[in-house]
Amino acid sequence: MKGLLKGLAHMHNKNIIHRDIKPENCIFKDKNDLNSLKIVDFGLSKQLSALKVKEIFMGTVPYMAPE
C-alpha cells in the first residue's frame, strides 16, 4: 500500500491523474520484492490542466464509488 500511495503522490506532484486505479493496474516488477510495485495502464489518465470540470464517470465500474 505504501508503494501505491508513493506512486500516486509522485503522479499528482506532476499533475497527472490516473483515473483507473484497481488491482489489475498494480503489478510487481519482481514477485519477490514488495518494493517493486509499478502502476500501469494510463489509458484514462489526464494532465490536471487538461481535465474538464464537466467530465463525468471514468474508470472500471466494479471499482467505482457507489455515489
Protein backbone atom coordinates (compact mmCIF):
# COMPACT_ATOMS: atom_id res chain seq x y z
CA MET A 1 0.00 0.00 0.00
CA LYS A 2 2.87 2.34 0.81
CA GLY A 3 4.33 1.87 -2.68
CA LEU A 4 0.98 2.56 -4.31
CA LEU A 5 0.47 5.75 -2.31
CA LYS A 6 4.02 6.92 -3.08
CA GLY A 7 3.41 6.30 -6.79
CA LEU A 8 0.12 8.21 -6.74
CA ALA A 9 1.73 11.10 -4.84
CA HIS A 10 4.51 11.24 -7.47
CA MET A 11 1.96 11.37 -10.30
CA HIS A 12 -0.12 14.02 -8.53
CA ASN A 13 3.01 16.13 -7.95
CA LYS A 14 3.42 16.10 -11.74
CA ASN A 15 -0.29 17.00 -12.20
CA ILE A 16 -1.20 13.58 -13.63
CA ILE A 17 -4.43 11.84 -12.61
CA HIS A 18 -4.62 8.08 -13.30
CA ARG A 19 -8.45 7.67 -13.00
CA ASP A 20 -8.45 3.86 -13.11
CA ILE A 21 -6.61 2.53 -10.06
CA LYS A 22 -7.53 -1.10 -9.44
CA PRO A 23 -5.64 -4.28 -8.53
CA GLU A 24 -5.15 -5.23 -12.19
CA ASN A 25 -3.28 -1.96 -12.80
CA CYS A 26 -0.79 -2.53 -9.98
CA ILE A 27 1.91 -5.05 -10.83
CA PHE A 28 5.23 -6.09 -9.33
CA LYS A 29 8.41 -5.96 -11.40
CA ASP A 30 9.87 -8.69 -9.17
CA LYS A 31 7.44 -11.08 -7.49
CA ASN A 32 9.84 -11.46 -4.54
CA ASP A 33 10.24 -7.71 -3.94
CA LEU A 34 7.27 -5.81 -2.49
CA ASN A 35 9.10 -2.55 -3.22
CA SER A 36 8.95 -3.16 -6.98
CA LEU A 37 5.30 -2.10 -7.40
CA LYS A 38 4.51 -0.45 -10.74
CA ILE A 39 1.32 1.38 -11.69
CA VAL A 40 0.30 0.58 -15.28
CA ASP A 41 -2.43 1.31 -17.85
CA PHE A 42 -2.53 5.07 -18.22
CA GLY A 43 -5.26 4.94 -20.90
CA LEU A 44 -7.68 7.06 -18.86
CA SER A 45 -5.04 9.32 -17.28
CA LYS A 46 -5.09 13.07 -17.81
CA GLN A 47 -2.97 16.12 -17.11
CA LEU A 48 -4.72 18.10 -14.38
CA SER A 49 -4.62 21.25 -16.53
CA ALA A 50 -6.38 19.40 -19.39
CA LEU A 51 -9.12 17.98 -17.17
CA LYS A 52 -12.54 19.48 -17.78
CA VAL A 53 -14.79 20.03 -14.77
CA LYS A 54 -17.83 18.62 -16.60
CA GLU A 55 -16.20 15.24 -17.34
CA ILE A 56 -18.17 12.52 -15.64
CA PHE A 57 -17.51 8.97 -14.56
CA MET A 58 -14.21 7.38 -15.52
CA GLY A 59 -12.79 4.05 -14.50
CA THR A 60 -13.93 0.46 -14.18
CA VAL A 61 -17.50 0.18 -12.91
CA PRO A 62 -16.98 -2.51 -10.19
CA TYR A 63 -14.23 -0.35 -8.65
CA MET A 64 -16.10 2.96 -8.72
CA ALA A 65 -17.61 4.56 -5.63
CA PRO A 66 -21.38 3.98 -5.50
CA GLU A 67 -22.25 7.66 -5.19
